[in-house]
Every structure is written in structure tokens, then in C-alpha cells.
Amino acid sequence: MADIEVVVDEREFRAAGEAQRRKIREFAARLRQRPFLGDRIPKRLVPRQFRDLPNLFRLELPGGWRALYAVATAPLAGTQVRVVWIDDHTRYDRLFGYG
């Protein structure tokens, strides 16, 4: 299997709590083996700010937090998993228009 790079937005990572950062580190190791590990979000439900991404997946974190990530591949560059958003369930609901 080709190398898979996992990149976490530094600002999002710092804003998360310690339990969430620990779980993100654990998920990063797992995502290198299985990049499509999370729940895929259907295109029709993807929030406007993430519509330019090729896809969007969700991971559940401790304390009701959520992380959103995208998987991109390029023939010469390989595969990259980019965590683009980390926050609590309340903001997740607002982001998706649930609350």
C-alpha cells in the first residue's frame, strides 16, 4: 500500500481538548491504514464551506466532539487525509443546520 499522509489543521487541533487531541492522534494512525474509516457525508449534506473538497467524512471524538476530514489522491503525490474541522456536537449541529 502506498504511503498515506495524514494532515491535521493546526488551528483546529489546538482548539480541541486533550481527550479529543489524543483520539485524533489515534485516528491518524488508523487513517494511514484505512483512509475511509469515518462516516461518509453525502454531497447534498456537505456544508457550503467544504463543498470544494472531493469528499467529506466524519469521526466521532470523546465528549460528543466531531472531526471532519477529506481524502484526496493524486497520481504523483499519493493519498492525503486532511482533517479540516474539529469541534463540539453543538457547533457540529449548527454547521449542518440541525439545530
PDB file of N, CA and C in Angstrom:
ATOM      1  N   MET A   1       0.845  -1.182   0.000  1.00  0.00           N
ATOM      2  CA  MET A   1       0.000   0.000   0.000  1.00  0.00           C
ATOM      3  C   MET A   1       0.889   1.243   0.000  1.00  0.00           C
ATOM      4  N   ALA A   2       0.495   2.248  -0.754  1.00  0.00           N
ATOM      5  CA  ALA A   2       1.250   3.499  -0.825  1.00  0.00           C
ATOM      6  C   ALA A   2       1.176   4.249   0.493  1.00  0.00           C
ATOM      7  N   ASP A   3       2.157   5.128   0.699  1.00  0.00           N
ATOM      8  CA  ASP A   3       2.137   5.948   1.906  1.00  0.00           C
ATOM      9  C   ASP A   3       0.950   6.890   1.871  1.00  0.00           C
ATOM     10  N   ILE A   4       0.293   7.026   3.014  1.00  0.00           N
ATOM     11  CA  ILE A   4      -0.827   7.944   3.151  1.00  0.00           C
ATOM     12  C   ILE A   4      -0.441   8.976   4.190  1.00  0.00           C
ATOM     13  N   GLU A   5      -0.478  10.230   3.781  1.00  0.00           N
ATOM     14  CA  GLU A   5      -0.141  11.328   4.679  1.00  0.00           C
ATOM     15  C   GLU A   5      -1.413  11.808   5.371  1.00  0.00           C
ATOM     16  N   VAL A   6      -1.354  11.960   6.693  1.00  0.00           N
ATOM     17  CA  VAL A   6      -2.480  12.492   7.463  1.00  0.00           C
ATOM     18  C   VAL A   6      -2.081  13.868   7.970  1.00  0.00           C
ATOM     19  N   VAL A   7      -2.864  14.877   7.598  1.00  0.00           N
ATOM     20  CA  VAL A   7      -2.579  16.262   7.962  1.00  0.00           C
ATOM     21  C   VAL A   7      -3.753  16.791   8.773  1.00  0.00           C
ATOM     22  N   VAL A   8      -3.449  17.373   9.925  1.00  0.00           N
ATOM     23  CA  VAL A   8      -4.491  17.958  10.765  1.00  0.00           C
ATOM     24  C   VAL A   8      -4.274  19.464  10.788  1.00  0.00           C
ATOM     25  N   ASP A   9      -5.329  20.215  10.507  1.00  0.00           N
ATOM     26  CA  ASP A   9      -5.254  21.670  10.579  1.00  0.00           C
ATOM     27  C   ASP A   9      -4.804  22.060  11.985  1.00  0.00           C
ATOM     28  N   GLU A  10      -3.677  22.731  12.079  1.00  0.00           N
ATOM     29  CA  GLU A  10      -3.059  23.052  13.381  1.00  0.00           C
ATOM     30  C   GLU A  10      -3.974  23.885  14.266  1.00  0.00           C
ATOM     31  N   ARG A  11      -4.652  24.860  13.684  1.00  0.00           N
ATOM     32  CA  ARG A  11      -5.552  25.704  14.476  1.00  0.00           C
ATOM     33  C   ARG A  11      -6.700  24.877  15.059  1.00  0.00           C
ATOM     34  N   GLU A  12      -7.270  24.002  14.256  1.00  0.00           N
ATOM     35  CA  GLU A  12      -8.362  23.136  14.731  1.00  0.00           C
ATOM     36  C   GLU A  12      -7.857  22.206  15.840  1.00  0.00           C
ATOM     37  N   PHE A  13      -6.658  21.663  15.641  1.00  0.00           N
ATOM     38  CA  PHE A  13      -6.090  20.727  16.607  1.00  0.00           C
ATOM     39  C   PHE A  13      -5.863  21.402  17.957  1.00  0.00           C
ATOM     40  N   ARG A  14      -5.298  22.614  17.945  1.00  0.00           N
ATOM     41  CA  ARG A  14      -5.036  23.337  19.195  1.00  0.00           C
ATOM     42  C   ARG A  14      -6.322  23.717  19.916  1.00  0.00           C
ATOM     43  N   ALA A  15      -7.399  23.956  19.175  1.00  0.00           N
ATOM     44  CA  ALA A  15      -8.661  24.372  19.778  1.00  0.00           C
ATOM     45  C   ALA A  15      -9.384  23.212  20.473  1.00  0.00           C
ATOM     46  N   ALA A  16      -9.021  21.994  20.153  1.00  0.00           N
ATOM     47  CA  ALA A  16      -9.670  20.820  20.743  1.00  0.00           C
ATOM     48  C   ALA A  16      -9.120  20.560  22.144  1.00  0.00           C
ATOM     49  N   GLY A  17      -9.897  19.835  22.931  1.00  0.00           N
ATOM     50  CA  GLY A  17      -9.450  19.444  24.267  1.00  0.00           C
ATOM     51  C   GLY A  17      -8.431  18.322  24.202  1.00  0.00           C
ATOM     52  N   GLU A  18      -7.815  18.030  25.336  1.00  0.00           N
ATOM     53  CA  GLU A  18      -6.775  16.994  25.371  1.00  0.00           C
ATOM     54  C   GLU A  18      -7.312  15.621  24.973  1.00  0.00           C
ATOM     55  N   ALA A  19      -8.502  15.258  25.442  1.00  0.00           N
ATOM     56  CA  ALA A  19      -9.079  13.950  25.090  1.00  0.00           C
ATOM     57  C   ALA A  19      -9.308  13.860  23.578  1.00  0.00           C
ATOM     58  N   GLN A  20      -9.767  14.965  22.986  1.00  0.00           N
ATOM     59  CA  GLN A  20     -10.004  14.974  21.548  1.00  0.00           C
ATOM     60  C   GLN A  20      -8.687  14.910  20.770  1.00  0.00           C
ATOM     61  N   ARG A  21      -7.673  15.629  21.237  1.00  0.00           N
ATOM     62  CA  ARG A  21      -6.367  15.580  20.559  1.00  0.00           C
ATOM     63  C   ARG A  21      -5.772  14.176  20.640  1.00  0.00           C
ATOM     64  N   ARG A  22      -5.924  13.524  21.770  1.00  0.00           N
ATOM     65  CA  ARG A  22      -5.418  12.156  21.932  1.00  0.00           C
ATOM     66  C   ARG A  22      -6.119  11.216  20.942  1.00  0.00           C
ATOM     67  N   LYS A  23      -7.440  11.356  20.817  1.00  0.00           N
ATOM     68  CA  LYS A  23      -8.196  10.496  19.909  1.00  0.00           C
ATOM     69  C   LYS A  23      -7.844  10.791  18.450  1.00  0.00           C
ATOM     70  N   ILE A  24      -7.627  12.062  18.114  1.00  0.00           N
ATOM     71  CA  ILE A  24      -7.216  12.421  16.748  1.00  0.00           C
ATOM     72  C   ILE A  24      -5.883  11.756  16.414  1.00  0.00           C
ATOM     73  N   ARG A  25      -4.940  11.773  17.374  1.00  0.00           N
ATOM     74  CA  ARG A  25      -3.643  11.099  17.138  1.00  0.00           C
ATOM     75  C   ARG A  25      -3.857   9.610  16.882  1.00  0.00           C
ATOM     76  N   GLU A  26      -4.745   8.993  17.657  1.00  0.00           N
ATOM     77  CA  GLU A  26      -5.050   7.570  17.472  1.00  0.00           C
ATOM     78  C   GLU A  26      -5.684   7.337  16.092  1.00  0.00           C
ATOM     79  N   PHE A  27      -6.655   8.181  15.740  1.00  0.00           N
ATOM     80  CA  PHE A  27      -7.293   8.049  14.428  1.00  0.00           C
ATOM     81  C   PHE A  27      -6.294   8.264  13.303  1.00  0.00           C
ATOM     82  N   ALA A  28      -5.345   9.179  13.461  1.00  0.00           N
ATOM     83  CA  ALA A  28      -4.354   9.449  12.415  1.00  0.00           C
ATOM     84  C   ALA A  28      -3.604   8.167  12.068  1.00  0.00           C
ATOM     85  N   ALA A  29      -3.224   7.412  13.079  1.00  0.00           N
ATOM     86  CA  ALA A  29      -2.521   6.150  12.835  1.00  0.00           C
ATOM     87  C   ALA A  29      -3.425   5.163  12.082  1.00  0.00           C
ATOM     88  N   ARG A  30      -4.686   5.111  12.467  1.00  0.00           N
ATOM     89  CA  ARG A  30      -5.631   4.198  11.799  1.00  0.00           C
ATOM     90  C   ARG A  30      -5.962   4.653  10.381  1.00  0.00           C
ATOM     91  N   LEU A  31      -6.054   5.976  10.177  1.00  0.00           N
ATOM     92  CA  LEU A  31      -6.377   6.509   8.851  1.00  0.00           C
ATOM     93  C   LEU A  31      -5.270   6.248   7.844  1.00  0.00           C
ATOM     94  N   ARG A  32      -4.037   6.084   8.317  1.00  0.00           N
ATOM     95  CA  ARG A  32      -2.935   5.748   7.402  1.00  0.00           C
ATOM     96  C   ARG A  32      -3.151   4.363   6.792  1.00  0.00           C
ATOM     97  N   GLN A  33      -3.841   3.505   7.503  1.00  0.00           N
ATOM     98  CA  GLN A  33      -4.128   2.161   7.002  1.00  0.00           C
ATOM     99  C   GLN A  33      -5.476   2.106   6.273  1.00  0.00           C
ATOM    100  N   ARG A  34      -6.443   2.858   6.801  1.00  0.00           N
ATOM    101  CA  ARG A  34      -7.812   2.835   6.263  1.00  0.00           C
ATOM    102  C   ARG A  34      -8.342   4.271   6.140  1.00  0.00           C
ATOM    103  N   PRO A  35      -8.015   4.984   5.073  1.00  0.00           N
ATOM    104  CA  PRO A  35      -8.400   6.392   4.958  1.00  0.00           C
ATOM    105  C   PRO A  35      -9.909   6.630   4.918  1.00  0.00           C
ATOM    106  N   PHE A  36     -10.697   5.630   4.584  1.00  0.00           N
ATOM    107  CA  PHE A  36     -12.146   5.806   4.507  1.00  0.00           C
ATOM    108  C   PHE A  36     -12.842   5.243   5.744  1.00  0.00           C
ATOM    109  N   LEU A  37     -12.165   5.326   6.864  1.00  0.00           N
ATOM    110  CA  LEU A  37     -12.627   4.789   8.144  1.00  0.00           C
ATOM    111  C   LEU A  37     -13.890   5.471   8.662  1.00  0.00           C
ATOM    112  N   GLY A  38     -14.000   6.771   8.495  1.00  0.00           N
ATOM    113  CA  GLY A  38     -15.118   7.538   9.051  1.00  0.00           C
ATOM    114  C   GLY A  38     -16.410   7.348   8.279  1.00  0.00           C
ATOM    115  N   ASP A  39     -17.448   8.032   8.752  1.00  0.00           N
ATOM    116  CA  ASP A  39     -18.751   8.003   8.091  1.00  0.00           C
ATOM    117  C   ASP A  39     -18.746   9.023   6.951  1.00  0.00           C
ATOM    118  N   ARG A  40     -19.037   8.572   5.746  1.00  0.00           N
ATOM    119  CA  ARG A  40     -19.057   9.488   4.597  1.00  0.00           C
ATOM    120  C   ARG A  40     -20.304  10.358   4.661  1.00  0.00           C
ATOM    121  N   ILE A  41     -20.114  11.634   4.421  1.00  0.00           N
ATOM    122  CA  ILE A  41     -21.224  12.586   4.425  1.00  0.00           C
ATOM    123  C   ILE A  41     -21.683  12.757   2.974  1.00  0.00           C
ATOM    124  N   PRO A  42     -22.969  12.495   2.706  1.00  0.00           N
ATOM    125  CA  PRO A  42     -23.474  12.651   1.335  1.00  0.00           C
ATOM    126  C   PRO A  42     -23.278  14.080   0.833  1.00  0.00           C
ATOM    127  N   LYS A  43     -22.956  14.224  -0.464  1.00  0.00           N
ATOM    128  CA  LYS A  43     -22.683  15.536  -1.064  1.00  0.00           C
ATOM    129  C   LYS A  43     -23.788  16.550  -0.767  1.00  0.00           C
ATOM    130  N   ARG A  44     -25.036  16.124  -0.775  1.00  0.00           N
ATOM    131  CA  ARG A  44     -26.151  17.046  -0.559  1.00  0.00           C
ATOM    132  C   ARG A  44     -26.184  17.620   0.848  1.00  0.00           C
ATOM    133  N   LEU A  45     -25.479  16.978   1.786  1.00  0.00           N
ATOM    134  CA  LEU A  45     -25.461  17.436   3.172  1.00  0.00           C
ATOM    135  C   LEU A  45     -24.179  18.185   3.539  1.00  0.00           C
ATOM    136  N   VAL A  46     -23.210  18.217   2.644  1.00  0.00           N
ATOM    137  CA  VAL A  46     -21.925  18.868   2.939  1.00  0.00           C
ATOM    138  C   VAL A  46     -22.140  20.379   3.110  1.00  0.00           C
ATOM    139  N   PRO A  47     -21.687  20.945   4.233  1.00  0.00           N
ATOM    140  CA  PRO A  47     -21.813  22.390   4.448  1.00  0.00           C
ATOM    141  C   PRO A  47     -21.087  23.179   3.350  1.00  0.00           C
ATOM    142  N   ARG A  48     -21.617  24.346   3.048  1.00  0.00           N
ATOM    143  CA  ARG A  48     -21.111  25.194   1.960  1.00  0.00           C
ATOM    144  C   ARG A  48     -19.591  25.388   2.020  1.00  0.00           C
ATOM    145  N   GLN A  49     -19.038  25.634   3.206  1.00  0.00           N
ATOM    146  CA  GLN A  49     -17.608  25.926   3.310  1.00  0.00           C
ATOM    147  C   GLN A  49     -16.716  24.751   2.934  1.00  0.00           C
ATOM    148  N   PHE A  50     -17.279  23.540   2.837  1.00  0.00           N
ATOM    149  CA  PHE A  50     -16.484  22.356   2.492  1.00  0.00           C
ATOM    150  C   PHE A  50     -16.841  21.769   1.131  1.00  0.00           C
ATOM    151  N   ARG A  51     -17.653  22.446   0.360  1.00  0.00           N
ATOM    152  CA  ARG A  51     -18.121  21.897  -0.925  1.00  0.00           C
ATOM    153  C   ARG A  51     -17.033  21.778  -1.978  1.00  0.00           C
ATOM    154  N   ASP A  52     -15.927  22.485  -1.803  1.00  0.00           N
ATOM    155  CA  ASP A  52     -14.847  22.376  -2.786  1.00  0.00           C
ATOM    156  C   ASP A  52     -13.963  21.152  -2.538  1.00  0.00           C
ATOM    157  N   LEU A  53     -14.180  20.453  -1.435  1.00  0.00           N
ATOM    158  CA  LEU A  53     -13.410  19.242  -1.137  1.00  0.00           C
ATOM    159  C   LEU A  53     -13.952  18.077  -1.960  1.00  0.00           C
ATOM    160  N   PRO A  54     -13.115  17.100  -2.295  1.00  0.00           N
ATOM    161  CA  PRO A  54     -13.576  15.977  -3.117  1.00  0.00           C
ATOM    162  C   PRO A  54     -14.559  15.060  -2.392  1.00  0.00           C
ATOM    163  N   ASN A  55     -14.518  15.062  -1.075  1.00  0.00           N
ATOM    164  CA  ASN A  55     -15.397  14.226  -0.256  1.00  0.00           C
ATOM    165  C   ASN A  55     -15.287  14.734   1.181  1.00  0.00           C
ATOM    166  N   LEU A  56     -16.151  14.238   2.059  1.00  0.00           N
ATOM    167  CA  LEU A  56     -16.097  14.646   3.456  1.00  0.00           C
ATOM    168  C   LEU A  56     -16.535  13.475   4.317  1.00  0.00           C
ATOM    169  N   PHE A  57     -15.753  13.216   5.365  1.00  0.00           N
ATOM    170  CA  PHE A  57     -16.032  12.128   6.295  1.00  0.00           C
ATOM    171  C   PHE A  57     -16.088  12.675   7.718  1.00  0.00           C
ATOM    172  N   ARG A  58     -16.801  11.957   8.590  1.00  0.00           N
ATOM    173  CA  ARG A  58     -16.953  12.371   9.985  1.00  0.00           C
ATOM    174  C   ARG A  58     -16.370  11.304  10.897  1.00  0.00           C
ATOM    175  N   LEU A  59     -15.701  11.766  11.956  1.00  0.00           N
ATOM    176  CA  LEU A  59     -15.223  10.898  13.029  1.00  0.00           C
ATOM    177  C   LEU A  59     -15.841  11.369  14.335  1.00  0.00           C
ATOM    178  N   GLU A  60     -16.245  10.437  15.173  1.00  0.00           N
ATOM    179  CA  GLU A  60     -16.758  10.793  16.491  1.00  0.00           C
ATOM    180  C   GLU A  60     -15.601  10.785  17.480  1.00  0.00           C
ATOM    181  N   LEU A  61     -15.520  11.849  18.281  1.00  0.00           N
ATOM    182  CA  LEU A  61     -14.462  12.021  19.268  1.00  0.00           C
ATOM    183  C   LEU A  61     -15.061  12.007  20.672  1.00  0.00           C
ATOM    184  N   PRO A  62     -14.244  11.875  21.712  1.00  0.00           N
ATOM    185  CA  PRO A  62     -14.754  11.873  23.080  1.00  0.00           C
ATOM    186  C   PRO A  62     -15.490  13.174  23.428  1.00  0.00           C
ATOM    187  N   GLY A  63     -16.431  13.066  24.347  1.00  0.00           N
ATOM    188  CA  GLY A  63     -17.148  14.233  24.846  1.00  0.00           C
ATOM    189  C   GLY A  63     -18.133  14.815  23.846  1.00  0.00           C
ATOM    190  N   GLY A  64     -18.581  14.018  22.877  1.00  0.00           N
ATOM    191  CA  GLY A  64     -19.530  14.497  21.888  1.00  0.00           C
ATOM    192  C   GLY A  64     -18.926  15.374  20.812  1.00  0.00           C
ATOM    193  N   TRP A  65     -17.613  15.406  20.704  1.00  0.00           N
ATOM    194  CA  TRP A  65     -16.956  16.201  19.671  1.00  0.00           C
ATOM    195  C   TRP A  65     -16.969  15.440  18.353  1.00  0.00           C
ATOM    196  N   ARG A  66     -16.772  16.167  17.259  1.00  0.00           N
ATOM    197  CA  ARG A  66     -16.707  15.582  15.921  1.00  0.00           C
ATOM    198  C   ARG A  66     -15.509  16.149  15.176  1.00  0.00           C
ATOM    199  N   ALA A  67     -14.989  15.363  14.250  1.00  0.00           N
ATOM    200  CA  ALA A  67     -13.934  15.816  13.345  1.00  0.00           C
ATOM    201  C   ALA A  67     -14.405  15.526  11.929  1.00  0.00           C
ATOM    202  N   LEU A  68     -14.106  16.435  11.021  1.00  0.00           N
ATOM    203  CA  LEU A  68     -14.414  16.247   9.612  1.00  0.00           C
ATOM    204  C   LEU A  68     -13.101  16.173   8.851  1.00  0.00           C
ATOM    205  N   TYR A  69     -13.036  15.247   7.897  1.00  0.00           N
ATOM    206  CA  TYR A  69     -11.823  15.124   7.100  1.00  0.00           C
ATOM    207  C   TYR A  69     -12.157  14.769   5.660  1.00  0.00           C
ATOM    208  N   ALA A  70     -11.210  15.042   4.780  1.00  0.00           N
ATOM    209  CA  ALA A  70     -11.334  14.736   3.358  1.00  0.00           C
ATOM    210  C   ALA A  70     -10.160  13.856   2.944  1.00  0.00           C
ATOM    211  N   VAL A  71     -10.388  13.048   1.920  1.00  0.00           N
ATOM    212  CA  VAL A  71      -9.342  12.190   1.359  1.00  0.00           C
ATOM    213  C   VAL A  71      -9.122  12.623  -0.084  1.00  0.00           C
ATOM    214  N   ALA A  72      -7.889  12.951  -0.418  1.00  0.00           N
ATOM    215  CA  ALA A  72      -7.551  13.362  -1.781  1.00  0.00           C
ATOM    216  C   ALA A  72      -6.413  12.493  -2.291  1.00  0.00           C
ATOM    217  N   THR A  73      -6.488  12.137  -3.564  1.00  0.00           N
ATOM    218  CA  THR A  73      -5.410  11.367  -4.190  1.00  0.00           C
ATOM    219  C   THR A  73      -4.957  12.075  -5.455  1.00  0.00           C
ATOM    220  N   ALA A  74      -3.672  11.955  -5.723  1.00  0.00           N
ATOM    221  CA  ALA A  74      -3.078  12.493  -6.946  1.00  0.00           C
ATOM    222  C   ALA A  74      -2.074  11.466  -7.436  1.00  0.00           C
ATOM    223  N   PRO A  75      -2.016  11.234  -8.745  1.00  0.00           N
ATOM    224  CA  PRO A  75      -1.139  10.193  -9.282  1.00  0.00           C
ATOM    225  C   PRO A  75       0.309  10.260  -8.781  1.00  0.00           C
ATOM    226  N   LEU A  76       0.898  11.428  -8.760  1.00  0.00           N
ATOM    227  CA  LEU A  76       2.298  11.527  -8.352  1.00  0.00           C
ATOM    228  C   LEU A  76       2.460  11.828  -6.862  1.00  0.00           C
ATOM    229  N   ALA A  77       1.478  12.460  -6.262  1.00  0.00           N
ATOM    230  CA  ALA A  77       1.591  12.881  -4.864  1.00  0.00           C
ATOM    231  C   ALA A  77       1.109  11.817  -3.878  1.00  0.00           C
ATOM    232  N   GLY A  78       0.303  10.879  -4.329  1.00  0.00           N
ATOM    233  CA  GLY A  78      -0.212   9.849  -3.438  1.00  0.00           C
ATOM    234  C   GLY A  78      -1.524  10.274  -2.787  1.00  0.00           C
ATOM    235  N   THR A  79      -1.785   9.725  -1.620  1.00  0.00           N
ATOM    236  CA  THR A  79      -3.038   9.977  -0.908  1.00  0.00           C
ATOM    237  C   THR A  79      -2.776  10.836   0.309  1.00  0.00           C
ATOM    238  N   GLN A  80      -3.670  11.802   0.519  1.00  0.00           N
ATOM    239  CA  GLN A  80      -3.572  12.654   1.695  1.00  0.00           C
ATOM    240  C   GLN A  80      -4.936  12.685   2.387  1.00  0.00           C
ATOM    241  N   VAL A  81      -4.906  12.496   3.703  1.00  0.00           N
ATOM    242  CA  VAL A  81      -6.086  12.643   4.541  1.00  0.00           C
ATOM    243  C   VAL A  81      -5.904  13.957   5.286  1.00  0.00           C
ATOM    244  N   ARG A  82      -6.857  14.876   5.115  1.00  0.00           N
ATOM    245  CA  ARG A  82      -6.748  16.197   5.737  1.00  0.00           C
ATOM    246  C   ARG A  82      -7.927  16.413   6.678  1.00  0.00           C
ATOM    247  N   VAL A  83      -7.613  16.524   7.979  1.00  0.00           N
ATOM    248  CA  VAL A  83      -8.637  16.847   8.976  1.00  0.00           C
ATOM    249  C   VAL A  83      -8.852  18.353   8.900  1.00  0.00           C
ATOM    250  N   VAL A  84     -10.077  18.765   8.552  1.00  0.00           N
ATOM    251  CA  VAL A  84     -10.353  20.170   8.267  1.00  0.00           C
ATOM    252  C   VAL A  84     -11.184  20.874   9.340  1.00  0.00           C
ATOM    253  N   TRP A  85     -11.794  20.116  10.250  1.00  0.00           N
ATOM    254  CA  TRP A  85     -12.673  20.740  11.241  1.00  0.00           C
ATOM    255  C   TRP A  85     -12.782  19.826  12.461  1.00  0.00           C
ATOM    256  N   ILE A  86     -12.670  20.427  13.664  1.00  0.00           N
ATOM    257  CA  ILE A  86     -12.831  19.691  14.927  1.00  0.00           C
ATOM    258  C   ILE A  86     -13.605  20.607  15.865  1.00  0.00           C
ATOM    259  N   ASP A  87     -14.716  20.109  16.418  1.00  0.00           N
ATOM    260  CA  ASP A  87     -15.457  20.920  17.390  1.00  0.00           C
ATOM    261  C   ASP A  87     -16.494  20.073  18.105  1.00  0.00           C
ATOM    262  N   ASP A  88     -17.232  20.730  19.009  1.00  0.00           N
ATOM    263  CA  ASP A  88     -18.216  20.010  19.816  1.00  0.00           C
ATOM    264  C   ASP A  88     -19.497  19.738  19.020  1.00  0.00           C
ATOM    265  N   HIS A  89     -20.355  18.919  19.617  1.00  0.00           N
ATOM    266  CA  HIS A  89     -21.560  18.469  18.938  1.00  0.00           C
ATOM    267  C   HIS A  89     -22.517  19.629  18.655  1.00  0.00           C
ATOM    268  N   THR A  90     -22.587  20.606  19.541  1.00  0.00           N
ATOM    269  CA  THR A  90     -23.470  21.755  19.332  1.00  0.00           C
ATOM    270  C   THR A  90     -23.082  22.516  18.071  1.00  0.00           C
ATOM    271  N   ARG A  91     -21.803  22.809  17.912  1.00  0.00           N
ATOM    272  CA  ARG A  91     -21.343  23.516  16.699  1.00  0.00           C
ATOM    273  C   ARG A  91     -21.470  22.627  15.465  1.00  0.00           C
ATOM    274  N   TYR A  92     -21.296  21.319  15.633  1.00  0.00           N
ATOM    275  CA  TYR A  92     -21.482  20.385  14.521  1.00  0.00           C
ATOM    276  C   TYR A  92     -22.926  20.456  14.027  1.00  0.00           C
ATOM    277  N   ASP A  93     -23.873  20.431  14.960  1.00  0.00           N
ATOM    278  CA  ASP A  93     -25.283  20.525  14.588  1.00  0.00           C
ATOM    279  C   ASP A  93     -25.575  21.831  13.854  1.00  0.00           C
ATOM    280  N   ARG A  94     -25.026  22.944  14.347  1.00  0.00           N
ATOM    281  CA  ARG A  94     -25.225  24.240  13.690  1.00  0.00           C
ATOM    282  C   ARG A  94     -24.605  24.255  12.289  1.00  0.00           C
ATOM    283  N   LEU A  95     -23.398  23.684  12.172  1.00  0.00           N
ATOM    284  CA  LEU A  95     -22.710  23.643  10.892  1.00  0.00           C
ATOM    285  C   LEU A  95     -23.554  22.937   9.833  1.00  0.00           C
ATOM    286  N   PHE A  96     -24.229  21.868  10.245  1.00  0.00           N
ATOM    287  CA  PHE A  96     -25.039  21.076   9.306  1.00  0.00           C
ATOM    288  C   PHE A  96     -26.502  21.514   9.262  1.00  0.00           C
ATOM    289  N   GLY A  97     -26.847  22.550  10.051  1.00  0.00           N
ATOM    290  CA  GLY A  97     -28.212  23.064  10.031  1.00  0.00           C
ATOM    291  C   GLY A  97     -29.204  22.203  10.776  1.00  0.00           C
ATOM    292  N   TYR A  98     -28.726  21.404  11.733  1.00  0.00           N
ATOM    293  CA  TYR A  98     -29.621  20.538  12.504  1.00  0.00           C
ATOM    294  C   TYR A  98     -30.230  21.251  13.704  1.00  0.00           C
ATOM    295  N   GLY A  99     -29.616  22.352  14.138  1.00  0.00           N
ATOM    296  CA  GLY A  99     -30.119  22.967  15.360  1.00  0.00           C
ATOM    297  C   GLY A  99     -30.063  24.462  15.363  1.00  0.00           C
TER     298      GLY A  99
END
